[in-house]
Amino acid sequence: DYHSNPLRNGAALYLNGEMVTNLVLSDSITSIRDYAFFGCSSLTSIVIPDSVTTIGNLAFKGCVNLTTVQLPKNLTAIPDGLFVGCKSLRSIEIPEGVTSLGVAVFRECESLVEVKLPESLQTMGNNVFINCDALQSIDLPKGLTKIGDAAFAYSGIHGLVLPEGITHIGEMTFYMCENLRFLYIPAGVTSIGD
């Protein structure tokens, strides 16, 4: 729970009196709860073992110095707001097997330039890349069928090819994408906004 997290106010994480900046979690861990590292400003990198099968909402929100994350291979979903406000995160690889990106996963990750999405991805939630200023391009997997509302709003996206299997594009998906010069929308799209 958010209120029981000692890191919620931007505190640094200490272990045996030493500030933790690089964290490798034990493979005895199977889940990470909501808000687990919320506001942990000292954290710059984290390795999450493959033993972890679920990660809670907003687990890394506000980790402003986080630059490197290794996600476990056994995830099937990326939860809501996982990296909201991780302003130093530059690149990330979402593991194969993940079928959905939750709401606002990368909101305000203003340094994010590279995201590798798995072929297994089917849906992207609302606001998933909103305010990702540095994100100029991204390869969307062939199996993607739905992009949520405002998914790329206020991002730096320059061009995008939507995969042939996509059927739904949410409202305001590309709102205020001032650098957008090219967008391919396949014939199979049946719904754009409401």
N, C-alpha and C. Protein backbone atom coordinates (compact mmCIF):
# COMPACT_ATOMS: atom_id res chain seq x y z
N ASP A 1 0.84 -1.18 0.00
CA ASP A 1 0.00 0.00 0.00
C ASP A 1 0.89 1.24 0.00
N TYR A 2 0.45 2.25 -0.71
CA TYR A 2 1.23 3.47 -0.92
C TYR A 2 1.67 4.10 0.40
N HIS A 3 0.77 4.22 1.36
CA HIS A 3 1.07 4.93 2.60
C HIS A 3 2.03 4.18 3.51
N SER A 4 2.18 2.89 3.33
CA SER A 4 3.11 2.13 4.17
C SER A 4 4.50 2.03 3.55
N ASN A 5 4.70 2.60 2.38
CA ASN A 5 5.99 2.53 1.70
C ASN A 5 6.91 3.63 2.22
N PRO A 6 8.03 3.28 2.85
CA PRO A 6 8.93 4.31 3.38
C PRO A 6 9.63 5.12 2.29
N LEU A 7 9.56 4.69 1.04
CA LEU A 7 10.23 5.41 -0.06
C LEU A 7 9.31 6.41 -0.74
N ARG A 8 8.07 6.52 -0.32
CA ARG A 8 7.08 7.29 -1.06
C ARG A 8 7.38 8.78 -1.17
N ASN A 9 8.22 9.32 -0.33
CA ASN A 9 8.53 10.74 -0.39
C ASN A 9 9.88 11.03 -1.03
N GLY A 10 10.30 10.16 -1.92
CA GLY A 10 11.56 10.39 -2.63
C GLY A 10 12.78 10.01 -1.82
N ALA A 11 12.60 9.15 -0.84
CA ALA A 11 13.71 8.74 0.02
C ALA A 11 14.68 7.86 -0.75
N ALA A 12 15.90 7.82 -0.26
CA ALA A 12 16.91 6.93 -0.81
C ALA A 12 16.76 5.57 -0.12
N LEU A 13 17.20 4.54 -0.78
CA LEU A 13 17.15 3.19 -0.25
C LEU A 13 18.51 2.85 0.34
N TYR A 14 18.53 2.40 1.59
CA TYR A 14 19.77 2.04 2.28
C TYR A 14 19.74 0.59 2.69
N LEU A 15 20.88 -0.07 2.62
CA LEU A 15 21.04 -1.45 3.06
C LEU A 15 22.34 -1.52 3.85
N ASN A 16 22.25 -1.88 5.12
CA ASN A 16 23.42 -1.93 6.00
C ASN A 16 24.18 -0.60 6.01
N GLY A 17 23.45 0.49 6.01
CA GLY A 17 24.04 1.81 6.07
C GLY A 17 24.59 2.35 4.76
N GLU A 18 24.51 1.56 3.70
CA GLU A 18 25.01 2.00 2.38
C GLU A 18 23.83 2.36 1.47
N MET A 19 23.94 3.49 0.79
CA MET A 19 22.90 3.88 -0.15
C MET A 19 22.91 2.91 -1.35
N VAL A 20 21.75 2.40 -1.68
CA VAL A 20 21.63 1.45 -2.78
C VAL A 20 21.30 2.22 -4.07
N THR A 21 22.17 2.06 -5.07
CA THR A 21 21.91 2.67 -6.37
C THR A 21 21.65 1.59 -7.42
N ASN A 22 22.36 0.47 -7.30
CA ASN A 22 22.20 -0.66 -8.22
C ASN A 22 21.64 -1.83 -7.42
N LEU A 23 20.52 -2.37 -7.87
CA LEU A 23 19.85 -3.41 -7.10
C LEU A 23 19.63 -4.64 -7.96
N VAL A 24 20.06 -5.79 -7.45
CA VAL A 24 19.79 -7.07 -8.08
C VAL A 24 18.94 -7.84 -7.09
N LEU A 25 17.69 -8.10 -7.45
CA LEU A 25 16.78 -8.78 -6.54
C LEU A 25 17.06 -10.28 -6.51
N SER A 26 16.81 -10.88 -5.37
CA SER A 26 17.02 -12.31 -5.17
C SER A 26 16.04 -13.13 -6.00
N ASP A 27 16.49 -14.30 -6.45
CA ASP A 27 15.59 -15.15 -7.23
C ASP A 27 14.59 -15.90 -6.35
N SER A 28 14.58 -15.59 -5.05
CA SER A 28 13.54 -16.14 -4.18
C SER A 28 12.27 -15.28 -4.23
N ILE A 29 12.38 -14.12 -4.86
CA ILE A 29 11.23 -13.21 -4.98
C ILE A 29 10.37 -13.64 -6.17
N THR A 30 9.05 -13.72 -5.95
CA THR A 30 8.14 -14.13 -7.02
C THR A 30 7.21 -13.01 -7.46
N SER A 31 7.07 -11.96 -6.64
CA SER A 31 6.22 -10.84 -7.03
C SER A 31 6.74 -9.55 -6.39
N ILE A 32 6.42 -8.45 -7.04
CA ILE A 32 6.75 -7.12 -6.54
C ILE A 32 5.42 -6.40 -6.39
N ARG A 33 5.16 -5.88 -5.21
CA ARG A 33 3.85 -5.28 -4.91
C ARG A 33 3.71 -3.86 -5.46
N ASP A 34 2.47 -3.38 -5.47
CA ASP A 34 2.18 -1.99 -5.84
C ASP A 34 3.07 -1.05 -5.03
N TYR A 35 3.57 -0.02 -5.68
CA TYR A 35 4.35 1.05 -5.04
C TYR A 35 5.66 0.59 -4.39
N ALA A 36 6.16 -0.59 -4.68
CA ALA A 36 7.31 -1.17 -3.97
C ALA A 36 8.52 -0.24 -3.91
N PHE A 37 8.86 0.42 -5.02
CA PHE A 37 10.03 1.29 -5.06
C PHE A 37 9.62 2.73 -5.40
N PHE A 38 8.38 3.05 -5.18
CA PHE A 38 7.81 4.37 -5.47
C PHE A 38 8.70 5.47 -4.90
N GLY A 39 9.18 6.36 -5.74
CA GLY A 39 9.94 7.52 -5.29
C GLY A 39 11.35 7.22 -4.81
N CYS A 40 11.89 6.08 -5.15
CA CYS A 40 13.25 5.74 -4.71
C CYS A 40 14.24 6.48 -5.61
N SER A 41 14.58 7.68 -5.21
CA SER A 41 15.38 8.56 -6.06
C SER A 41 16.83 8.12 -6.21
N SER A 42 17.34 7.28 -5.31
CA SER A 42 18.73 6.86 -5.40
C SER A 42 18.94 5.72 -6.41
N LEU A 43 17.89 5.02 -6.74
CA LEU A 43 18.00 3.83 -7.59
C LEU A 43 18.33 4.19 -9.04
N THR A 44 19.43 3.64 -9.57
CA THR A 44 19.81 3.90 -10.96
C THR A 44 19.64 2.66 -11.85
N SER A 45 19.75 1.47 -11.26
CA SER A 45 19.54 0.26 -12.06
C SER A 45 18.95 -0.84 -11.19
N ILE A 46 18.17 -1.70 -11.84
CA ILE A 46 17.57 -2.83 -11.14
C ILE A 46 17.49 -4.02 -12.07
N VAL A 47 17.85 -5.18 -11.52
CA VAL A 47 17.72 -6.45 -12.24
C VAL A 47 16.66 -7.26 -11.49
N ILE A 48 15.60 -7.60 -12.21
CA ILE A 48 14.50 -8.37 -11.62
C ILE A 48 14.63 -9.79 -12.13
N PRO A 49 14.75 -10.77 -11.23
CA PRO A 49 14.98 -12.15 -11.66
C PRO A 49 13.77 -12.76 -12.36
N ASP A 50 14.03 -13.81 -13.13
CA ASP A 50 12.96 -14.50 -13.86
C ASP A 50 11.96 -15.18 -12.94
N SER A 51 12.28 -15.32 -11.65
CA SER A 51 11.34 -15.90 -10.70
C SER A 51 10.13 -15.00 -10.46
N VAL A 52 10.27 -13.71 -10.78
CA VAL A 52 9.17 -12.75 -10.60
C VAL A 52 8.19 -12.91 -11.76
N THR A 53 6.93 -13.20 -11.41
CA THR A 53 5.90 -13.38 -12.44
C THR A 53 4.89 -12.24 -12.46
N THR A 54 4.83 -11.43 -11.40
CA THR A 54 3.93 -10.28 -11.38
C THR A 54 4.62 -9.08 -10.73
N ILE A 55 4.31 -7.92 -11.27
CA ILE A 55 4.79 -6.66 -10.70
C ILE A 55 3.57 -5.77 -10.51
N GLY A 56 3.48 -5.13 -9.37
CA GLY A 56 2.32 -4.30 -9.06
C GLY A 56 2.34 -2.94 -9.74
N ASN A 57 1.19 -2.30 -9.70
CA ASN A 57 1.02 -0.97 -10.29
C ASN A 57 1.96 0.04 -9.62
N LEU A 58 2.48 0.95 -10.41
CA LEU A 58 3.28 2.07 -9.94
C LEU A 58 4.51 1.66 -9.13
N ALA A 59 5.01 0.45 -9.34
CA ALA A 59 6.12 -0.08 -8.54
C ALA A 59 7.38 0.77 -8.61
N PHE A 60 7.63 1.43 -9.74
CA PHE A 60 8.84 2.25 -9.89
C PHE A 60 8.52 3.71 -10.17
N LYS A 61 7.29 4.12 -9.91
CA LYS A 61 6.90 5.50 -10.17
C LYS A 61 7.83 6.47 -9.43
N GLY A 62 8.28 7.48 -10.15
CA GLY A 62 9.08 8.52 -9.54
C GLY A 62 10.51 8.14 -9.21
N CYS A 63 11.00 7.05 -9.76
CA CYS A 63 12.42 6.70 -9.61
C CYS A 63 13.18 7.53 -10.64
N VAL A 64 13.38 8.79 -10.35
CA VAL A 64 13.84 9.77 -11.33
C VAL A 64 15.25 9.53 -11.87
N ASN A 65 16.06 8.74 -11.17
CA ASN A 65 17.42 8.47 -11.64
C ASN A 65 17.59 7.07 -12.22
N LEU A 66 16.50 6.33 -12.32
CA LEU A 66 16.56 4.97 -12.86
C LEU A 66 16.88 5.02 -14.36
N THR A 67 17.99 4.38 -14.75
CA THR A 67 18.40 4.39 -16.16
C THR A 67 18.32 3.00 -16.79
N THR A 68 18.47 1.95 -15.98
CA THR A 68 18.55 0.59 -16.51
C THR A 68 17.63 -0.34 -15.74
N VAL A 69 16.81 -1.10 -16.49
CA VAL A 69 15.92 -2.08 -15.90
C VAL A 69 15.99 -3.36 -16.70
N GLN A 70 16.18 -4.47 -16.01
CA GLN A 70 16.09 -5.78 -16.66
C GLN A 70 14.84 -6.45 -16.12
N LEU A 71 13.84 -6.60 -17.00
CA LEU A 71 12.58 -7.21 -16.60
C LEU A 71 12.66 -8.73 -16.70
N PRO A 72 11.90 -9.44 -15.88
CA PRO A 72 11.92 -10.91 -15.91
C PRO A 72 11.24 -11.46 -17.15
N LYS A 73 11.65 -12.65 -17.56
CA LYS A 73 11.12 -13.27 -18.77
C LYS A 73 9.74 -13.89 -18.60
N ASN A 74 9.27 -14.02 -17.36
CA ASN A 74 8.01 -14.71 -17.12
C ASN A 74 6.81 -13.79 -16.94
N LEU A 75 6.95 -12.51 -17.24
CA LEU A 75 5.81 -11.59 -17.15
C LEU A 75 4.86 -11.81 -18.32
N THR A 76 3.57 -11.60 -18.08
CA THR A 76 2.60 -11.64 -19.17
C THR A 76 1.95 -10.28 -19.38
N ALA A 77 2.10 -9.39 -18.38
CA ALA A 77 1.52 -8.05 -18.48
C ALA A 77 2.43 -7.05 -17.78
N ILE A 78 2.48 -5.84 -18.33
CA ILE A 78 3.19 -4.74 -17.69
C ILE A 78 2.12 -3.88 -17.04
N PRO A 79 2.19 -3.71 -15.70
CA PRO A 79 1.10 -3.07 -14.97
C PRO A 79 1.01 -1.55 -15.19
N ASP A 80 -0.12 -1.01 -14.77
CA ASP A 80 -0.38 0.42 -14.89
C ASP A 80 0.69 1.24 -14.18
N GLY A 81 1.15 2.28 -14.86
CA GLY A 81 2.04 3.26 -14.27
C GLY A 81 3.39 2.75 -13.79
N LEU A 82 3.84 1.63 -14.31
CA LEU A 82 5.05 1.00 -13.79
C LEU A 82 6.24 1.95 -13.73
N PHE A 83 6.45 2.74 -14.78
CA PHE A 83 7.63 3.62 -14.83
C PHE A 83 7.25 5.10 -14.92
N VAL A 84 6.08 5.49 -14.45
CA VAL A 84 5.66 6.89 -14.51
C VAL A 84 6.72 7.78 -13.86
N GLY A 85 7.14 8.79 -14.59
CA GLY A 85 8.07 9.77 -14.05
C GLY A 85 9.51 9.30 -13.89
N CYS A 86 9.86 8.20 -14.53
CA CYS A 86 11.26 7.75 -14.50
C CYS A 86 12.00 8.54 -15.58
N LYS A 87 12.35 9.75 -15.24
CA LYS A 87 12.85 10.73 -16.20
C LYS A 87 14.21 10.41 -16.82
N SER A 88 14.97 9.50 -16.21
CA SER A 88 16.30 9.15 -16.72
C SER A 88 16.32 7.86 -17.52
N LEU A 89 15.20 7.14 -17.55
CA LEU A 89 15.13 5.87 -18.28
C LEU A 89 15.27 6.14 -19.77
N ARG A 90 16.30 5.55 -20.41
CA ARG A 90 16.56 5.82 -21.83
C ARG A 90 16.11 4.70 -22.75
N SER A 91 16.22 3.46 -22.30
CA SER A 91 15.82 2.34 -23.15
C SER A 91 15.32 1.19 -22.28
N ILE A 92 14.50 0.35 -22.90
CA ILE A 92 13.97 -0.80 -22.17
C ILE A 92 13.53 -1.86 -23.18
N GLU A 93 13.67 -3.12 -22.76
CA GLU A 93 13.18 -4.23 -23.58
C GLU A 93 12.08 -4.94 -22.80
N ILE A 94 10.92 -5.01 -23.40
CA ILE A 94 9.79 -5.72 -22.80
C ILE A 94 9.92 -7.18 -23.23
N PRO A 95 9.91 -8.11 -22.28
CA PRO A 95 10.17 -9.51 -22.64
C PRO A 95 9.07 -10.16 -23.47
N GLU A 96 9.48 -11.12 -24.28
CA GLU A 96 8.55 -11.92 -25.07
C GLU A 96 7.62 -12.64 -24.09
N GLY A 97 6.34 -12.73 -24.44
CA GLY A 97 5.35 -13.34 -23.56
C GLY A 97 4.40 -12.30 -22.98
N VAL A 98 4.86 -11.04 -22.92
CA VAL A 98 3.99 -9.96 -22.44
C VAL A 98 2.95 -9.68 -23.52
N THR A 99 1.67 -9.70 -23.12
CA THR A 99 0.59 -9.47 -24.09
C THR A 99 -0.05 -8.09 -23.95
N SER A 100 0.18 -7.41 -22.81
CA SER A 100 -0.44 -6.10 -22.65
C SER A 100 0.45 -5.13 -21.88
N LEU A 101 0.39 -3.88 -22.31
CA LEU A 101 1.02 -2.77 -21.59
C LEU A 101 -0.12 -2.01 -20.93
N GLY A 102 -0.06 -1.81 -19.62
CA GLY A 102 -1.12 -1.14 -18.88
C GLY A 102 -1.21 0.35 -19.18
N VAL A 103 -2.02 1.03 -18.40
CA VAL A 103 -2.24 2.46 -18.54
C VAL A 103 -1.01 3.23 -18.07
N ALA A 104 -0.59 4.20 -18.84
CA ALA A 104 0.47 5.16 -18.47
C ALA A 104 1.77 4.51 -18.02
N VAL A 105 2.13 3.39 -18.61
CA VAL A 105 3.34 2.66 -18.20
C VAL A 105 4.58 3.55 -18.25
N PHE A 106 4.74 4.31 -19.31
CA PHE A 106 5.94 5.14 -19.49
C PHE A 106 5.64 6.64 -19.45
N ARG A 107 4.53 7.02 -18.87
CA ARG A 107 4.16 8.45 -18.82
C ARG A 107 5.28 9.27 -18.20
N GLU A 108 5.63 10.34 -18.89
CA GLU A 108 6.64 11.30 -18.43
C GLU A 108 8.04 10.70 -18.32
N CYS A 109 8.33 9.69 -19.12
CA CYS A 109 9.70 9.18 -19.23
C CYS A 109 10.36 10.00 -20.34
N GLU A 110 10.73 11.20 -20.02
CA GLU A 110 11.13 12.18 -21.02
C GLU A 110 12.46 11.88 -21.71
N SER A 111 13.27 10.96 -21.18
CA SER A 111 14.53 10.60 -21.82
C SER A 111 14.44 9.31 -22.63
N LEU A 112 13.29 8.67 -22.61
CA LEU A 112 13.12 7.37 -23.26
C LEU A 112 13.25 7.52 -24.78
N VAL A 113 14.25 6.84 -25.35
CA VAL A 113 14.47 6.91 -26.80
C VAL A 113 14.28 5.57 -27.49
N GLU A 114 14.37 4.47 -26.72
CA GLU A 114 14.28 3.15 -27.35
C GLU A 114 13.44 2.21 -26.50
N VAL A 115 12.43 1.61 -27.15
CA VAL A 115 11.59 0.61 -26.51
C VAL A 115 11.50 -0.57 -27.46
N LYS A 116 11.90 -1.74 -26.98
CA LYS A 116 11.78 -2.95 -27.79
C LYS A 116 10.56 -3.70 -27.27
N LEU A 117 9.56 -3.81 -28.14
CA LEU A 117 8.31 -4.49 -27.78
C LEU A 117 8.33 -5.92 -28.28
N PRO A 118 7.72 -6.85 -27.54
CA PRO A 118 7.72 -8.25 -27.97
C PRO A 118 6.67 -8.52 -29.05
N GLU A 119 6.90 -9.55 -29.83
CA GLU A 119 5.92 -9.95 -30.84
C GLU A 119 4.61 -10.42 -30.21
N SER A 120 4.67 -10.82 -28.94
CA SER A 120 3.48 -11.31 -28.24
C SER A 120 2.51 -10.20 -27.83
N LEU A 121 2.94 -8.94 -27.91
CA LEU A 121 2.11 -7.82 -27.44
C LEU A 121 0.84 -7.68 -28.29
N GLN A 122 -0.32 -7.59 -27.61
CA GLN A 122 -1.61 -7.46 -28.29
C GLN A 122 -2.29 -6.12 -28.02
N THR A 123 -2.13 -5.58 -26.80
CA THR A 123 -2.82 -4.33 -26.46
C THR A 123 -1.89 -3.36 -25.73
N MET A 124 -2.12 -2.08 -26.02
CA MET A 124 -1.41 -1.00 -25.34
C MET A 124 -2.46 -0.13 -24.68
N GLY A 125 -2.31 0.14 -23.38
CA GLY A 125 -3.28 0.91 -22.62
C GLY A 125 -3.26 2.39 -22.94
N ASN A 126 -4.18 3.11 -22.31
CA ASN A 126 -4.27 4.56 -22.46
C ASN A 126 -3.01 5.23 -21.93
N ASN A 127 -2.59 6.30 -22.57
CA ASN A 127 -1.49 7.15 -22.12
C ASN A 127 -0.16 6.43 -21.95
N VAL A 128 0.03 5.32 -22.63
CA VAL A 128 1.20 4.48 -22.38
C VAL A 128 2.53 5.21 -22.63
N PHE A 129 2.60 6.06 -23.65
CA PHE A 129 3.83 6.80 -23.95
C PHE A 129 3.59 8.32 -23.89
N ILE A 130 2.59 8.76 -23.17
CA ILE A 130 2.29 10.19 -23.10
C ILE A 130 3.46 10.95 -22.47
N ASN A 131 3.81 12.07 -23.04
CA ASN A 131 4.90 12.92 -22.57
C ASN A 131 6.28 12.25 -22.63
N CYS A 132 6.47 11.35 -23.56
CA CYS A 132 7.80 10.76 -23.81
C CYS A 132 8.44 11.59 -24.91
N ASP A 133 8.99 12.73 -24.53
CA ASP A 133 9.49 13.73 -25.47
C ASP A 133 10.57 13.20 -26.41
N ALA A 134 11.46 12.34 -25.91
CA ALA A 134 12.59 11.88 -26.71
C ALA A 134 12.27 10.69 -27.61
N LEU A 135 11.10 10.09 -27.41
CA LEU A 135 10.73 8.91 -28.20
C LEU A 135 10.33 9.35 -29.61
N GLN A 136 11.19 9.05 -30.58
CA GLN A 136 10.95 9.49 -31.96
C GLN A 136 10.38 8.39 -32.84
N SER A 137 10.71 7.14 -32.53
CA SER A 137 10.19 6.04 -33.34
C SER A 137 10.08 4.79 -32.47
N ILE A 138 9.25 3.87 -32.93
CA ILE A 138 9.06 2.61 -32.23
C ILE A 138 8.52 1.60 -33.23
N ASP A 139 9.01 0.37 -33.14
CA ASP A 139 8.49 -0.69 -34.00
C ASP A 139 7.38 -1.41 -33.26
N LEU A 140 6.20 -1.38 -33.84
CA LEU A 140 5.05 -2.05 -33.22
C LEU A 140 4.95 -3.47 -33.74
N PRO A 141 4.71 -4.44 -32.85
CA PRO A 141 4.65 -5.84 -33.27
C PRO A 141 3.41 -6.16 -34.11
N LYS A 142 3.54 -7.18 -34.93
CA LYS A 142 2.47 -7.58 -35.85
C LYS A 142 1.19 -8.00 -35.14
N GLY A 143 1.31 -8.55 -33.93
CA GLY A 143 0.15 -9.05 -33.21
C GLY A 143 -0.65 -7.98 -32.47
N LEU A 144 -0.18 -6.73 -32.49
CA LEU A 144 -0.87 -5.66 -31.79
C LEU A 144 -2.23 -5.39 -32.44
N THR A 145 -3.29 -5.40 -31.61
CA THR A 145 -4.65 -5.17 -32.15
C THR A 145 -5.29 -3.90 -31.62
N LYS A 146 -4.82 -3.39 -30.48
CA LYS A 146 -5.48 -2.23 -29.88
C LYS A 146 -4.45 -1.27 -29.28
N ILE A 147 -4.63 0.03 -29.58
CA ILE A 147 -3.84 1.10 -28.98
C ILE A 147 -4.82 2.00 -28.24
N GLY A 148 -4.58 2.22 -26.95
CA GLY A 148 -5.49 2.98 -26.10
C GLY A 148 -5.46 4.48 -26.36
N ASP A 149 -6.37 5.19 -25.68
CA ASP A 149 -6.50 6.63 -25.80
C ASP A 149 -5.20 7.34 -25.44
N ALA A 150 -4.88 8.36 -26.19
CA ALA A 150 -3.73 9.24 -25.93
C ALA A 150 -2.42 8.48 -25.73
N ALA A 151 -2.29 7.33 -26.36
CA ALA A 151 -1.12 6.47 -26.17
C ALA A 151 0.20 7.17 -26.48
N PHE A 152 0.22 8.00 -27.51
CA PHE A 152 1.45 8.70 -27.90
C PHE A 152 1.32 10.21 -27.76
N ALA A 153 0.30 10.69 -27.09
CA ALA A 153 0.07 12.13 -26.96
C ALA A 153 1.29 12.83 -26.36
N TYR A 154 1.59 13.98 -26.90
CA TYR A 154 2.71 14.82 -26.44
C TYR A 154 4.06 14.12 -26.52
N SER A 155 4.17 13.09 -27.34
CA SER A 155 5.46 12.41 -27.49
C SER A 155 6.23 13.03 -28.65
N GLY A 156 7.48 12.62 -28.78
CA GLY A 156 8.32 13.14 -29.86
C GLY A 156 8.27 12.28 -31.11
N ILE A 157 7.29 11.40 -31.22
CA ILE A 157 7.21 10.44 -32.33
C ILE A 157 7.23 11.16 -33.68
N HIS A 158 8.07 10.68 -34.60
CA HIS A 158 8.21 11.29 -35.94
C HIS A 158 7.39 10.56 -36.99
N GLY A 159 7.37 9.25 -36.89
CA GLY A 159 6.65 8.45 -37.87
C GLY A 159 6.29 7.11 -37.26
N LEU A 160 5.21 6.53 -37.78
CA LEU A 160 4.76 5.27 -37.20
C LEU A 160 4.00 4.47 -38.24
N VAL A 161 4.32 3.18 -38.29
CA VAL A 161 3.60 2.25 -39.14
C VAL A 161 2.81 1.34 -38.22
N LEU A 162 1.49 1.44 -38.29
CA LEU A 162 0.64 0.57 -37.47
C LEU A 162 0.55 -0.79 -38.15
N PRO A 163 0.64 -1.87 -37.36
CA PRO A 163 0.63 -3.21 -37.96
C PRO A 163 -0.72 -3.56 -38.59
N GLU A 164 -0.69 -4.47 -39.54
CA GLU A 164 -1.89 -4.85 -40.29
C GLU A 164 -3.01 -5.41 -39.41
N GLY A 165 -2.67 -6.02 -38.29
CA GLY A 165 -3.69 -6.64 -37.44
C GLY A 165 -4.42 -5.69 -36.51
N ILE A 166 -4.01 -4.44 -36.50
CA ILE A 166 -4.64 -3.49 -35.57
C ILE A 166 -6.07 -3.18 -36.00
N THR A 167 -6.98 -3.17 -35.02
CA THR A 167 -8.39 -2.88 -35.32
C THR A 167 -8.89 -1.65 -34.59
N HIS A 168 -8.26 -1.27 -33.48
CA HIS A 168 -8.76 -0.14 -32.68
C HIS A 168 -7.63 0.83 -32.34
N ILE A 169 -7.88 2.11 -32.61
CA ILE A 169 -6.98 3.20 -32.23
C ILE A 169 -7.81 4.13 -31.36
N GLY A 170 -7.37 4.38 -30.14
CA GLY A 170 -8.13 5.17 -29.19
C GLY A 170 -8.21 6.65 -29.53
N GLU A 171 -8.97 7.37 -28.72
CA GLU A 171 -9.13 8.81 -28.88
C GLU A 171 -7.81 9.52 -28.60
N MET A 172 -7.56 10.56 -29.31
CA MET A 172 -6.42 11.45 -29.09
C MET A 172 -5.08 10.71 -29.01
N THR A 173 -4.97 9.61 -29.71
CA THR A 173 -3.76 8.78 -29.67
C THR A 173 -2.51 9.56 -30.03
N PHE A 174 -2.63 10.47 -30.98
CA PHE A 174 -1.46 11.24 -31.42
C PHE A 174 -1.62 12.73 -31.14
N TYR A 175 -2.39 13.06 -30.12
CA TYR A 175 -2.66 14.45 -29.76
C TYR A 175 -1.36 15.19 -29.45
N MET A 176 -1.19 16.33 -30.06
CA MET A 176 -0.04 17.21 -29.86
C MET A 176 1.31 16.54 -30.17
N CYS A 177 1.30 15.62 -31.11
CA CYS A 177 2.56 15.04 -31.60
C CYS A 177 3.06 15.96 -32.71
N GLU A 178 3.70 17.01 -32.32
CA GLU A 178 4.08 18.07 -33.25
C GLU A 178 5.14 17.66 -34.25
N ASN A 179 5.88 16.58 -33.97
CA ASN A 179 6.92 16.11 -34.88
C ASN A 179 6.44 15.00 -35.81
N LEU A 180 5.20 14.57 -35.66
CA LEU A 180 4.69 13.46 -36.46
C LEU A 180 4.59 13.87 -37.93
N ARG A 181 5.34 13.16 -38.78
CA ARG A 181 5.37 13.47 -40.21
C ARG A 181 4.77 12.35 -41.06
N PHE A 182 4.72 11.13 -40.50
CA PHE A 182 4.23 10.00 -41.27
C PHE A 182 3.47 9.04 -40.36
N LEU A 183 2.29 8.63 -40.81
CA LEU A 183 1.50 7.66 -40.06
C LEU A 183 0.79 6.74 -41.05
N TYR A 184 1.07 5.44 -40.94
CA TYR A 184 0.40 4.46 -41.79
C TYR A 184 -0.68 3.77 -40.97
N ILE A 185 -1.93 3.87 -41.43
CA ILE A 185 -3.07 3.21 -40.78
C ILE A 185 -3.57 2.14 -41.74
N PRO A 186 -3.51 0.87 -41.34
CA PRO A 186 -3.92 -0.21 -42.24
C PRO A 186 -5.43 -0.27 -42.45
N ALA A 187 -5.82 -0.93 -43.52
CA ALA A 187 -7.24 -1.02 -43.90
C ALA A 187 -8.09 -1.76 -42.87
N GLY A 188 -7.49 -2.61 -42.05
CA GLY A 188 -8.25 -3.40 -41.08
C GLY A 188 -8.73 -2.64 -39.86
N VAL A 189 -8.33 -1.38 -39.71
CA VAL A 189 -8.78 -0.60 -38.56
C VAL A 189 -10.27 -0.35 -38.67
N THR A 190 -11.01 -0.71 -37.61
CA THR A 190 -12.47 -0.55 -37.63
C THR A 190 -12.93 0.57 -36.70
N SER A 191 -12.04 1.03 -35.82
CA SER A 191 -12.44 2.04 -34.85
C SER A 191 -11.28 2.98 -34.56
N ILE A 192 -11.56 4.29 -34.72
CA ILE A 192 -10.60 5.32 -34.33
C ILE A 192 -11.36 6.26 -33.40
N GLY A 193 -10.96 6.29 -32.13
CA GLY A 193 -11.67 7.12 -31.15
C GLY A 193 -13.10 6.65 -30.98
N ASP A 194 -13.93 7.53 -30.43
CA ASP A 194 -15.35 7.18 -30.26
C ASP A 194 -16.23 8.04 -31.13
